[in-house]
Amino acid sequence: MQVSATLPKAERLSGKKAIAALMGNGRWDYSSHLRCCSAKGNGLEFSRMMVSVPKRNFKRAVKRNLLKRRMREAFRIQKDLIGADYDIFFIYNSREIVDFHVIREEMSVLLKKIASR
């Protein structure tokens, strides 16, 4: 099945109940710049994702938004690695701004790890 390389609003994780369910029974994975919490079984035909960049690490909103855009783009390009029926929450946990290629590679490793479970 070919997954389109878009990220519509329906594929963005939102809502207190959905986020609480993910945090309650999700599994955490780590890379050098990213953390992610993932859970299988959202009951939908697609995976949903959410990104966060802590204000504690980056005071300027411009820098936080840059990193969030890079994380969403990296997921959008590689979302076919995991397939459907997942909820994923990515957190940027480094204090340095890294290049898009680094984020893409780390997200690729995390998505493959999630899919292999």
PDB file of N, CA and C in Angstrom:
ATOM      1  N   MET A   1       0.839  -1.179   0.000  1.00  0.00           N
ATOM      2  CA  MET A   1       0.000   0.000   0.000  1.00  0.00           C
ATOM      3  C   MET A   1       0.887   1.247   0.000  1.00  0.00           C
ATOM      4  N   GLN A   2       0.675   2.121  -0.925  1.00  0.00           N
ATOM      5  CA  GLN A   2       1.433   3.362  -1.035  1.00  0.00           C
ATOM      6  C   GLN A   2       0.837   4.411  -0.101  1.00  0.00           C
ATOM      7  N   VAL A   3       1.669   4.956   0.776  1.00  0.00           N
ATOM      8  CA  VAL A   3       1.231   6.000   1.686  1.00  0.00           C
ATOM      9  C   VAL A   3       1.631   7.333   1.087  1.00  0.00           C
ATOM     10  N   SER A   4       0.674   8.276   1.031  1.00  0.00           N
ATOM     11  CA  SER A   4       1.007   9.573   0.459  1.00  0.00           C
ATOM     12  C   SER A   4       1.932  10.341   1.394  1.00  0.00           C
ATOM     13  N   ALA A   5       2.816  11.133   0.828  1.00  0.00           N
ATOM     14  CA  ALA A   5       3.808  11.862   1.603  1.00  0.00           C
ATOM     15  C   ALA A   5       3.266  13.224   2.017  1.00  0.00           C
ATOM     16  N   THR A   6       2.091  13.218   2.639  1.00  0.00           N
ATOM     17  CA  THR A   6       1.514  14.447   3.167  1.00  0.00           C
ATOM     18  C   THR A   6       1.282  14.252   4.656  1.00  0.00           C
ATOM     19  N   LEU A   7       0.977  15.323   5.337  1.00  0.00           N
ATOM     20  CA  LEU A   7       0.684  15.241   6.761  1.00  0.00           C
ATOM     21  C   LEU A   7      -0.564  16.073   7.052  1.00  0.00           C
ATOM     22  N   PRO A   8      -1.744  15.544   6.718  1.00  0.00           N
ATOM     23  CA  PRO A   8      -2.969  16.307   6.949  1.00  0.00           C
ATOM     24  C   PRO A   8      -3.290  16.426   8.444  1.00  0.00           C
ATOM     25  N   LYS A   9      -4.236  17.271   8.755  1.00  0.00           N
ATOM     26  CA  LYS A   9      -4.598  17.527  10.141  1.00  0.00           C
ATOM     27  C   LYS A   9      -5.058  16.258  10.854  1.00  0.00           C
ATOM     28  N   ALA A  10      -5.700  15.361  10.164  1.00  0.00           N
ATOM     29  CA  ALA A  10      -6.174  14.123  10.782  1.00  0.00           C
ATOM     30  C   ALA A  10      -5.023  13.262  11.299  1.00  0.00           C
ATOM     31  N   GLU A  11      -3.838  13.416  10.711  1.00  0.00           N
ATOM     32  CA  GLU A  11      -2.680  12.623  11.125  1.00  0.00           C
ATOM     33  C   GLU A  11      -1.862  13.301  12.215  1.00  0.00           C
ATOM     34  N   ARG A  12      -2.375  14.392  12.767  1.00  0.00           N
ATOM     35  CA  ARG A  12      -1.718  15.058  13.894  1.00  0.00           C
ATOM     36  C   ARG A  12      -2.429  14.626  15.167  1.00  0.00           C
ATOM     37  N   LEU A  13      -1.673  14.174  16.122  1.00  0.00           N
ATOM     38  CA  LEU A  13      -2.232  13.715  17.390  1.00  0.00           C
ATOM     39  C   LEU A  13      -2.657  14.924  18.213  1.00  0.00           C
ATOM     40  N   SER A  14      -3.899  14.919  18.677  1.00  0.00           N
ATOM     41  CA  SER A  14      -4.401  16.008  19.496  1.00  0.00           C
ATOM     42  C   SER A  14      -5.502  15.481  20.410  1.00  0.00           C
ATOM     43  N   GLY A  15      -5.826  16.249  21.395  1.00  0.00           N
ATOM     44  CA  GLY A  15      -6.874  15.875  22.331  1.00  0.00           C
ATOM     45  C   GLY A  15      -6.300  15.283  23.608  1.00  0.00           C
ATOM     46  N   LYS A  16      -6.841  15.724  24.731  1.00  0.00           N
ATOM     47  CA  LYS A  16      -6.314  15.288  26.023  1.00  0.00           C
ATOM     48  C   LYS A  16      -6.430  13.787  26.229  1.00  0.00           C
ATOM     49  N   LYS A  17      -7.538  13.189  25.811  1.00  0.00           N
ATOM     50  CA  LYS A  17      -7.734  11.749  26.019  1.00  0.00           C
ATOM     51  C   LYS A  17      -6.731  10.925  25.216  1.00  0.00           C
ATOM     52  N   ALA A  18      -6.530  11.294  23.961  1.00  0.00           N
ATOM     53  CA  ALA A  18      -5.601  10.547  23.108  1.00  0.00           C
ATOM     54  C   ALA A  18      -4.172  10.684  23.611  1.00  0.00           C
ATOM     55  N   ILE A  19      -3.793  11.889  24.034  1.00  0.00           N
ATOM     56  CA  ILE A  19      -2.429  12.105  24.522  1.00  0.00           C
ATOM     57  C   ILE A  19      -2.225  11.394  25.851  1.00  0.00           C
ATOM     58  N   ALA A  20      -3.235  11.437  26.736  1.00  0.00           N
ATOM     59  CA  ALA A  20      -3.133  10.749  28.026  1.00  0.00           C
ATOM     60  C   ALA A  20      -3.036   9.238  27.830  1.00  0.00           C
ATOM     61  N   ALA A  21      -3.787   8.705  26.872  1.00  0.00           N
ATOM     62  CA  ALA A  21      -3.716   7.269  26.592  1.00  0.00           C
ATOM     63  C   ALA A  21      -2.335   6.887  26.064  1.00  0.00           C
ATOM     64  N   LEU A  22      -1.777   7.726  25.213  1.00  0.00           N
ATOM     65  CA  LEU A  22      -0.433   7.456  24.681  1.00  0.00           C
ATOM     66  C   LEU A  22       0.603   7.492  25.792  1.00  0.00           C
ATOM     67  N   MET A  23       0.549   8.510  26.643  1.00  0.00           N
ATOM     68  CA  MET A  23       1.523   8.621  27.733  1.00  0.00           C
ATOM     69  C   MET A  23       1.343   7.503  28.762  1.00  0.00           C
ATOM     70  N   GLY A  24       0.124   7.054  28.939  1.00  0.00           N
ATOM     71  CA  GLY A  24      -0.141   6.020  29.931  1.00  0.00           C
ATOM     72  C   GLY A  24       0.367   4.645  29.559  1.00  0.00           C
ATOM     73  N   ASN A  25       0.212   4.267  28.291  1.00  0.00           N
ATOM     74  CA  ASN A  25       0.626   2.915  27.915  1.00  0.00           C
ATOM     75  C   ASN A  25       1.536   2.886  26.687  1.00  0.00           C
ATOM     76  N   GLY A  26       2.268   3.968  26.463  1.00  0.00           N
ATOM     77  CA  GLY A  26       3.219   4.008  25.355  1.00  0.00           C
ATOM     78  C   GLY A  26       4.600   3.563  25.805  1.00  0.00           C
ATOM     79  N   ARG A  27       5.437   3.203  24.836  1.00  0.00           N
ATOM     80  CA  ARG A  27       6.820   2.809  25.113  1.00  0.00           C
ATOM     81  C   ARG A  27       7.750   3.909  24.652  1.00  0.00           C
ATOM     82  N   TRP A  28       8.774   4.185  25.449  1.00  0.00           N
ATOM     83  CA  TRP A  28       9.721   5.257  25.155  1.00  0.00           C
ATOM     84  C   TRP A  28      10.955   4.710  24.457  1.00  0.00           C
ATOM     85  N   ASP A  29      11.408   5.441  23.446  1.00  0.00           N
ATOM     86  CA  ASP A  29      12.648   5.153  22.745  1.00  0.00           C
ATOM     87  C   ASP A  29      13.460   6.441  22.682  1.00  0.00           C
ATOM     88  N   TYR A  30      14.775   6.287  22.557  1.00  0.00           N
ATOM     89  CA  TYR A  30      15.668   7.438  22.604  1.00  0.00           C
ATOM     90  C   TYR A  30      16.677   7.393  21.474  1.00  0.00           C
ATOM     91  N   SER A  31      17.094   8.571  21.049  1.00  0.00           N
ATOM     92  CA  SER A  31      18.262   8.726  20.201  1.00  0.00           C
ATOM     93  C   SER A  31      19.048   9.899  20.791  1.00  0.00           C
ATOM     94  N   SER A  32      20.087  10.335  20.134  1.00  0.00           N
ATOM     95  CA  SER A  32      20.913  11.372  20.749  1.00  0.00           C
ATOM     96  C   SER A  32      20.213  12.727  20.827  1.00  0.00           C
ATOM     97  N   HIS A  33      19.302  13.034  19.907  1.00  0.00           N
ATOM     98  CA  HIS A  33      18.613  14.322  19.934  1.00  0.00           C
ATOM     99  C   HIS A  33      17.106  14.201  20.108  1.00  0.00           C
ATOM    100  N   LEU A  34      16.559  13.010  19.980  1.00  0.00           N
ATOM    101  CA  LEU A  34      15.107  12.836  20.032  1.00  0.00           C
ATOM    102  C   LEU A  34      14.703  11.788  21.074  1.00  0.00           C
ATOM    103  N   ARG A  35      13.530  11.991  21.638  1.00  0.00           N
ATOM    104  CA  ARG A  35      12.852  10.963  22.432  1.00  0.00           C
ATOM    105  C   ARG A  35      11.502  10.744  21.779  1.00  0.00           C
ATOM    106  N   CYS A  36      10.978   9.548  21.873  1.00  0.00           N
ATOM    107  CA  CYS A  36       9.644   9.335  21.339  1.00  0.00           C
ATOM    108  C   CYS A  36       8.884   8.337  22.191  1.00  0.00           C
ATOM    109  N   CYS A  37       7.609   8.587  22.308  1.00  0.00           N
ATOM    110  CA  CYS A  37       6.692   7.690  23.002  1.00  0.00           C
ATOM    111  C   CYS A  37       5.734   7.173  21.935  1.00  0.00           C
ATOM    112  N   SER A  38       5.577   5.859  21.843  1.00  0.00           N
ATOM    113  CA  SER A  38       4.735   5.293  20.799  1.00  0.00           C
ATOM    114  C   SER A  38       3.837   4.207  21.369  1.00  0.00           C
ATOM    115  N   ALA A  39       2.669   4.089  20.784  1.00  0.00           N
ATOM    116  CA  ALA A  39       1.720   3.046  21.165  1.00  0.00           C
ATOM    117  C   ALA A  39       0.997   2.583  19.907  1.00  0.00           C
ATOM    118  N   LYS A  40       0.795   1.291  19.801  1.00  0.00           N
ATOM    119  CA  LYS A  40       0.072   0.726  18.663  1.00  0.00           C
ATOM    120  C   LYS A  40      -1.386   0.562  19.044  1.00  0.00           C
ATOM    121  N   GLY A  41      -2.247   0.696  18.064  1.00  0.00           N
ATOM    122  CA  GLY A  41      -3.658   0.429  18.293  1.00  0.00           C
ATOM    123  C   GLY A  41      -4.502   1.670  18.498  1.00  0.00           C
ATOM    124  N   ASN A  42      -4.375   2.650  17.603  1.00  0.00           N
ATOM    125  CA  ASN A  42      -5.221   3.827  17.732  1.00  0.00           C
ATOM    126  C   ASN A  42      -6.587   3.624  17.077  1.00  0.00           C
ATOM    127  N   GLY A  43      -6.780   2.490  16.394  1.00  0.00           N
ATOM    128  CA  GLY A  43      -8.063   2.173  15.787  1.00  0.00           C
ATOM    129  C   GLY A  43      -8.344   2.908  14.490  1.00  0.00           C
ATOM    130  N   LEU A  44      -7.346   3.541  13.924  1.00  0.00           N
ATOM    131  CA  LEU A  44      -7.519   4.297  12.684  1.00  0.00           C
ATOM    132  C   LEU A  44      -6.725   3.644  11.560  1.00  0.00           C
ATOM    133  N   GLU A  45      -6.959   4.095  10.346  1.00  0.00           N
ATOM    134  CA  GLU A  45      -6.277   3.537   9.185  1.00  0.00           C
ATOM    135  C   GLU A  45      -4.953   4.251   8.898  1.00  0.00           C
ATOM    136  N   PHE A  46      -4.548   5.129   9.798  1.00  0.00           N
ATOM    137  CA  PHE A  46      -3.312   5.875   9.619  1.00  0.00           C
ATOM    138  C   PHE A  46      -2.676   6.110  10.980  1.00  0.00           C
ATOM    139  N   SER A  47      -1.423   6.499  10.968  1.00  0.00           N
ATOM    140  CA  SER A  47      -0.712   6.823  12.203  1.00  0.00           C
ATOM    141  C   SER A  47      -0.821   8.308  12.479  1.00  0.00           C
ATOM    142  N   ARG A  48      -0.829   8.648  13.769  1.00  0.00           N
ATOM    143  CA  ARG A  48      -0.877  10.048  14.161  1.00  0.00           C
ATOM    144  C   ARG A  48       0.406  10.404  14.901  1.00  0.00           C
ATOM    145  N   MET A  49       0.834  11.654  14.765  1.00  0.00           N
ATOM    146  CA  MET A  49       2.067  12.076  15.426  1.00  0.00           C
ATOM    147  C   MET A  49       1.909  13.459  16.025  1.00  0.00           C
ATOM    148  N   MET A  50       2.809  13.734  16.968  1.00  0.00           N
ATOM    149  CA  MET A  50       2.832  15.018  17.641  1.00  0.00           C
ATOM    150  C   MET A  50       4.286  15.334  17.948  1.00  0.00           C
ATOM    151  N   VAL A  51       4.673  16.606  17.889  1.00  0.00           N
ATOM    152  CA  VAL A  51       6.042  16.999  18.187  1.00  0.00           C
ATOM    153  C   VAL A  51       6.058  18.056  19.288  1.00  0.00           C
ATOM    154  N   SER A  52       7.176  18.094  20.008  1.00  0.00           N
ATOM    155  CA  SER A  52       7.342  19.077  21.065  1.00  0.00           C
ATOM    156  C   SER A  52       8.816  19.459  21.168  1.00  0.00           C
ATOM    157  N   VAL A  53       9.050  20.752  21.359  1.00  0.00           N
ATOM    158  CA  VAL A  53      10.393  21.269  21.620  1.00  0.00           C
ATOM    159  C   VAL A  53      10.275  22.097  22.897  1.00  0.00           C
ATOM    160  N   PRO A  54      10.934  21.688  23.968  1.00  0.00           N
ATOM    161  CA  PRO A  54      10.753  22.375  25.254  1.00  0.00           C
ATOM    162  C   PRO A  54      11.239  23.821  25.238  1.00  0.00           C
ATOM    163  N   LYS A  55      10.448  24.671  25.841  1.00  0.00           N
ATOM    164  CA  LYS A  55      10.806  26.074  25.980  1.00  0.00           C
ATOM    165  C   LYS A  55      12.007  26.247  26.911  1.00  0.00           C
ATOM    166  N   ARG A  56      12.188  25.280  27.786  1.00  0.00           N
ATOM    167  CA  ARG A  56      13.327  25.301  28.708  1.00  0.00           C
ATOM    168  C   ARG A  56      14.653  25.276  27.948  1.00  0.00           C
ATOM    169  N   ASN A  57      14.690  24.564  26.815  1.00  0.00           N
ATOM    170  CA  ASN A  57      15.923  24.441  26.036  1.00  0.00           C
ATOM    171  C   ASN A  57      16.096  25.552  25.009  1.00  0.00           C
ATOM    172  N   PHE A  58      14.988  26.045  24.465  1.00  0.00           N
ATOM    173  CA  PHE A  58      15.034  27.081  23.439  1.00  0.00           C
ATOM    174  C   PHE A  58      14.033  28.170  23.795  1.00  0.00           C
ATOM    175  N   LYS A  59      14.532  29.291  24.246  1.00  0.00           N
ATOM    176  CA  LYS A  59      13.660  30.383  24.696  1.00  0.00           C
ATOM    177  C   LYS A  59      12.958  31.071  23.535  1.00  0.00           C
ATOM    178  N   ARG A  60      13.619  31.160  22.398  1.00  0.00           N
ATOM    179  CA  ARG A  60      13.048  31.851  21.238  1.00  0.00           C
ATOM    180  C   ARG A  60      12.099  30.946  20.471  1.00  0.00           C
ATOM    181  N   ALA A  61      10.889  31.439  20.226  1.00  0.00           N
ATOM    182  CA  ALA A  61       9.886  30.664  19.506  1.00  0.00           C
ATOM    183  C   ALA A  61      10.338  30.347  18.082  1.00  0.00           C
ATOM    184  N   VAL A  62      11.132  31.211  17.489  1.00  0.00           N
ATOM    185  CA  VAL A  62      11.612  30.985  16.121  1.00  0.00           C
ATOM    186  C   VAL A  62      12.430  29.700  16.057  1.00  0.00           C
ATOM    187  N   LYS A  63      13.288  29.481  17.050  1.00  0.00           N
ATOM    188  CA  LYS A  63      14.110  28.273  17.067  1.00  0.00           C
ATOM    189  C   LYS A  63      13.264  27.036  17.336  1.00  0.00           C
ATOM    190  N   ARG A  64      12.307  27.145  18.253  1.00  0.00           N
ATOM    191  CA  ARG A  64      11.422  26.003  18.537  1.00  0.00           C
ATOM    192  C   ARG A  64      10.613  25.635  17.300  1.00  0.00           C
ATOM    193  N   ASN A  65      10.085  26.627  16.610  1.00  0.00           N
ATOM    194  CA  ASN A  65       9.289  26.365  15.408  1.00  0.00           C
ATOM    195  C   ASN A  65      10.132  25.756  14.295  1.00  0.00           C
ATOM    196  N   LEU A  66      11.377  26.193  14.159  1.00  0.00           N
ATOM    197  CA  LEU A  66      12.281  25.615  13.165  1.00  0.00           C
ATOM    198  C   LEU A  66      12.472  24.122  13.414  1.00  0.00           C
ATOM    199  N   LEU A  67      12.738  23.756  14.661  1.00  0.00           N
ATOM    200  CA  LEU A  67      12.950  22.350  14.990  1.00  0.00           C
ATOM    201  C   LEU A  67      11.675  21.535  14.819  1.00  0.00           C
ATOM    202  N   LYS A  68      10.535  22.105  15.166  1.00  0.00           N
ATOM    203  CA  LYS A  68       9.269  21.383  14.982  1.00  0.00           C
ATOM    204  C   LYS A  68       8.981  21.156  13.504  1.00  0.00           C
ATOM    205  N   ARG A  69       9.259  22.153  12.674  1.00  0.00           N
ATOM    206  CA  ARG A  69       9.082  21.974  11.219  1.00  0.00           C
ATOM    207  C   ARG A  69       9.982  20.872  10.691  1.00  0.00           C
ATOM    208  N   ARG A  70      11.232  20.854  11.147  1.00  0.00           N
ATOM    209  CA  ARG A  70      12.157  19.817  10.691  1.00  0.00           C
ATOM    210  C   ARG A  70      11.694  18.433  11.133  1.00  0.00           C
ATOM    211  N   MET A  71      11.186  18.306  12.339  1.00  0.00           N
ATOM    212  CA  MET A  71      10.723  17.002  12.828  1.00  0.00           C
ATOM    213  C   MET A  71       9.481  16.540  12.066  1.00  0.00           C
ATOM    214  N   ARG A  72       8.536  17.445  11.818  1.00  0.00           N
ATOM    215  CA  ARG A  72       7.339  17.067  11.063  1.00  0.00           C
ATOM    216  C   ARG A  72       7.696  16.665   9.635  1.00  0.00           C
ATOM    217  N   GLU A  73       8.609  17.389   9.016  1.00  0.00           N
ATOM    218  CA  GLU A  73       9.030  17.063   7.647  1.00  0.00           C
ATOM    219  C   GLU A  73       9.731  15.712   7.596  1.00  0.00           C
ATOM    220  N   ALA A  74      10.591  15.435   8.573  1.00  0.00           N
ATOM    221  CA  ALA A  74      11.276  14.139   8.612  1.00  0.00           C
ATOM    222  C   ALA A  74      10.269  13.003   8.771  1.00  0.00           C
ATOM    223  N   PHE A  75       9.240  13.205   9.584  1.00  0.00           N
ATOM    224  CA  PHE A  75       8.211  12.178   9.738  1.00  0.00           C
ATOM    225  C   PHE A  75       7.407  12.032   8.451  1.00  0.00           C
ATOM    226  N   ARG A  76       7.027  13.148   7.847  1.00  0.00           N
ATOM    227  CA  ARG A  76       6.204  13.108   6.641  1.00  0.00           C
ATOM    228  C   ARG A  76       6.884  12.319   5.533  1.00  0.00           C
ATOM    229  N   ILE A  77       8.175  12.498   5.384  1.00  0.00           N
ATOM    230  CA  ILE A  77       8.918  11.809   4.324  1.00  0.00           C
ATOM    231  C   ILE A  77       9.020  10.311   4.597  1.00  0.00           C
ATOM    232  N   GLN A  78       9.098   9.917   5.879  1.00  0.00           N
ATOM    233  CA  GLN A  78       9.400   8.529   6.226  1.00  0.00           C
ATOM    234  C   GLN A  78       8.264   7.798   6.918  1.00  0.00           C
ATOM    235  N   LYS A  79       7.062   8.334   6.884  1.00  0.00           N
ATOM    236  CA  LYS A  79       5.986   7.708   7.642  1.00  0.00           C
ATOM    237  C   LYS A  79       5.579   6.339   7.105  1.00  0.00           C
ATOM    238  N   ASP A  80       5.996   6.003   5.901  1.00  0.00           N
ATOM    239  CA  ASP A  80       5.700   4.676   5.372  1.00  0.00           C
ATOM    240  C   ASP A  80       6.533   3.580   6.039  1.00  0.00           C
ATOM    241  N   LEU A  81       7.541   3.966   6.844  1.00  0.00           N
ATOM    242  CA  LEU A  81       8.351   2.973   7.558  1.00  0.00           C
ATOM    243  C   LEU A  81       7.565   2.267   8.659  1.00  0.00           C
ATOM    244  N   ILE A  82       6.545   2.916   9.213  1.00  0.00           N
ATOM    245  CA  ILE A  82       5.816   2.299  10.319  1.00  0.00           C
ATOM    246  C   ILE A  82       4.448   1.782   9.937  1.00  0.00           C
ATOM    247  N   GLY A  83       3.882   2.255   8.859  1.00  0.00           N
ATOM    248  CA  GLY A  83       2.560   1.798   8.484  1.00  0.00           C
ATOM    249  C   GLY A  83       1.476   2.542   9.246  1.00  0.00           C
ATOM    250  N   ALA A  84       0.387   1.834   9.554  1.00  0.00           N
ATOM    251  CA  ALA A  84      -0.772   2.473  10.162  1.00  0.00           C
ATOM    252  C   ALA A  84      -0.967   2.020  11.608  1.00  0.00           C
ATOM    253  N   ASP A  85      -1.902   2.673  12.272  1.00  0.00           N
ATOM    254  CA  ASP A  85      -2.387   2.266  13.597  1.00  0.00           C
ATOM    255  C   ASP A  85      -1.417   2.581  14.740  1.00  0.00           C
ATOM    256  N   TYR A  86      -0.598   3.621  14.610  1.00  0.00           N
ATOM    257  CA  TYR A  86       0.314   4.032  15.679  1.00  0.00           C
ATOM    258  C   TYR A  86       0.012   5.462  16.108  1.00  0.00           C
ATOM    259  N   ASP A  87       0.242   5.755  17.372  1.00  0.00           N
ATOM    260  CA  ASP A  87       0.293   7.115  17.885  1.00  0.00           C
ATOM    261  C   ASP A  87       1.727   7.346  18.353  1.00  0.00           C
ATOM    262  N   ILE A  88       2.334   8.449  17.930  1.00  0.00           N
ATOM    263  CA  ILE A  88       3.737   8.713  18.249  1.00  0.00           C
ATOM    264  C   ILE A  88       3.886  10.164  18.702  1.00  0.00           C
ATOM    265  N   PHE A  89       4.678  10.348  19.746  1.00  0.00           N
ATOM    266  CA  PHE A  89       4.961  11.675  20.287  1.00  0.00           C
ATOM    267  C   PHE A  89       6.473  11.862  20.300  1.00  0.00           C
ATOM    268  N   PHE A  90       6.975  12.819  19.509  1.00  0.00           N
ATOM    269  CA  PHE A  90       8.403  13.093  19.428  1.00  0.00           C
ATOM    270  C   PHE A  90       8.746  14.324  20.261  1.00  0.00           C
ATOM    271  N   ILE A  91       9.821  14.222  21.041  1.00  0.00           N
ATOM    272  CA  ILE A  91      10.307  15.342  21.840  1.00  0.00           C
ATOM    273  C   ILE A  91      11.766  15.582  21.461  1.00  0.00           C
ATOM    274  N   TYR A  92      12.083  16.822  21.195  1.00  0.00           N
ATOM    275  CA  TYR A  92      13.466  17.192  20.884  1.00  0.00           C
ATOM    276  C   TYR A  92      14.162  17.445  22.215  1.00  0.00           C
ATOM    277  N   ASN A  93      15.200  16.673  22.552  1.00  0.00           N
ATOM    278  CA  ASN A  93      15.783  16.750  23.888  1.00  0.00           C
ATOM    279  C   ASN A  93      17.243  17.200  23.908  1.00  0.00           C
ATOM    280  N   SER A  94      17.668  17.909  22.898  1.00  0.00           N
ATOM    281  CA  SER A  94      19.030  18.416  22.867  1.00  0.00           C
ATOM    282  C   SER A  94      19.000  19.936  23.033  1.00  0.00           C
ATOM    283  N   ARG A  95      20.107  20.506  23.456  1.00  0.00           N
ATOM    284  CA  ARG A  95      20.173  21.959  23.609  1.00  0.00           C
ATOM    285  C   ARG A  95      20.814  22.636  22.397  1.00  0.00           C
ATOM    286  N   GLU A  96      21.139  21.866  21.380  1.00  0.00           N
ATOM    287  CA  GLU A  96      21.733  22.435  20.169  1.00  0.00           C
ATOM    288  C   GLU A  96      20.812  22.210  18.982  1.00  0.00           C
ATOM    289  N   ILE A  97      20.847  23.125  18.029  1.00  0.00           N
ATOM    290  CA  ILE A  97      20.049  22.999  16.818  1.00  0.00           C
ATOM    291  C   ILE A  97      20.866  22.198  15.813  1.00  0.00           C
ATOM    292  N   VAL A  98      20.344  21.051  15.419  1.00  0.00           N
ATOM    293  CA  VAL A  98      21.059  20.206  14.467  1.00  0.00           C
ATOM    294  C   VAL A  98      20.429  20.332  13.087  1.00  0.00           C
ATOM    295  N   ASP A  99      21.157  19.906  12.095  1.00  0.00           N
ATOM    296  CA  ASP A  99      20.733  19.966  10.708  1.00  0.00           C
ATOM    297  C   ASP A  99      19.571  19.003  10.458  1.00  0.00           C
ATOM    298  N   PHE A 100      18.799  19.291   9.419  1.00  0.00           N
ATOM    299  CA  PHE A 100      17.658  18.450   9.067  1.00  0.00           C
ATOM    300  C   PHE A 100      18.065  17.006   8.797  1.00  0.00           C
ATOM    301  N   HIS A 101      19.215  16.803   8.168  1.00  0.00           N
ATOM    302  CA  HIS A 101      19.646  15.446   7.819  1.00  0.00           C
ATOM    303  C   HIS A 101      19.889  14.599   9.066  1.00  0.00           C
ATOM    304  N   VAL A 102      20.380  15.208  10.121  1.00  0.00           N
ATOM    305  CA  VAL A 102      20.607  14.496  11.379  1.00  0.00           C
ATOM    306  C   VAL A 102      19.269  14.084  11.983  1.00  0.00           C
ATOM    307  N   ILE A 103      18.319  15.006  11.996  1.00  0.00           N
ATOM    308  CA  ILE A 103      16.988  14.695  12.534  1.00  0.00           C
ATOM    309  C   ILE A 103      16.332  13.597  11.714  1.00  0.00           C
ATOM    310  N   ARG A 104      16.458  13.668  10.393  1.00  0.00           N
ATOM    311  CA  ARG A 104      15.858  12.647   9.527  1.00  0.00           C
ATOM    312  C   ARG A 104      16.449  11.270   9.798  1.00  0.00           C
ATOM    313  N   GLU A 105      17.773  11.189   9.954  1.00  0.00           N
ATOM    314  CA  GLU A 105      18.415   9.901  10.217  1.00  0.00           C
ATOM    315  C   GLU A 105      17.990   9.330  11.575  1.00  0.00           C
ATOM    316  N   GLU A 106      17.963  10.179  12.596  1.00  0.00           N
ATOM    317  CA  GLU A 106      17.558   9.695  13.917  1.00  0.00           C
ATOM    318  C   GLU A 106      16.097   9.263  13.930  1.00  0.00           C
ATOM    319  N   MET A 107      15.247  10.007  13.223  1.00  0.00           N
ATOM    320  CA  MET A 107      13.842   9.626  13.168  1.00  0.00           C
ATOM    321  C   MET A 107      13.670   8.319  12.401  1.00  0.00           C
ATOM    322  N   SER A 108      14.481   8.110  11.382  1.00  0.00           N
ATOM    323  CA  SER A 108      14.437   6.859  10.641  1.00  0.00           C
ATOM    324  C   SER A 108      14.762   5.681  11.547  1.00  0.00           C
ATOM    325  N   VAL A 109      15.790   5.825  12.366  1.00  0.00           N
ATOM    326  CA  VAL A 109      16.164   4.764  13.303  1.00  0.00           C
ATOM    327  C   VAL A 109      15.029   4.500  14.295  1.00  0.00           C
ATOM    328  N   LEU A 110      14.439   5.575  14.835  1.00  0.00           N
ATOM    329  CA  LEU A 110      13.350   5.408  15.800  1.00  0.00           C
ATOM    330  C   LEU A 110      12.122   4.757  15.158  1.00  0.00           C
ATOM    331  N   LEU A 111      11.760   5.174  13.955  1.00  0.00           N
ATOM    332  CA  LEU A 111      10.594   4.599  13.286  1.00  0.00           C
ATOM    333  C   LEU A 111      10.803   3.124  12.966  1.00  0.00           C
ATOM    334  N   LYS A 112      12.007   2.765  12.571  1.00  0.00           N
ATOM    335  CA  LYS A 112      12.294   1.344  12.300  1.00  0.00           C
ATOM    336  C   LYS A 112      12.221   0.527  13.601  1.00  0.00           C
ATOM    337  N   LYS A 113      12.690   1.106  14.692  1.00  0.00           N
ATOM    338  CA  LYS A 113      12.626   0.426  15.981  1.00  0.00           C
ATOM    339  C   LYS A 113      11.180   0.219  16.422  1.00  0.00           C
ATOM    340  N   ILE A 114      10.344   1.233  16.203  1.00  0.00           N
ATOM    341  CA  ILE A 114       8.928   1.137  16.559  1.00  0.00           C
ATOM    342  C   ILE A 114       8.245   0.068  15.706  1.00  0.00           C
ATOM    343  N   ALA A 115       8.530   0.064  14.417  1.00  0.00           N
ATOM    344  CA  ALA A 115       7.888  -0.886  13.505  1.00  0.00           C
ATOM    345  C   ALA A 115       8.321  -2.324  13.774  1.00  0.00           C
ATOM    346  N   SER A 116       9.510  -2.520  14.328  1.00  0.00           N
ATOM    347  CA  SER A 116       9.993  -3.879  14.526  1.00  0.00           C
ATOM    348  C   SER A 116       9.352  -4.559  15.742  1.00  0.00           C
ATOM    349  N   ARG A 117       8.672  -3.809  16.576  1.00  0.00           N
ATOM    350  CA  ARG A 117       8.022  -4.414  17.748  1.00  0.00           C
ATOM    351  C   ARG A 117       6.765  -5.147  17.380  1.00  0.00           C
TER     352      ARG A 117
END
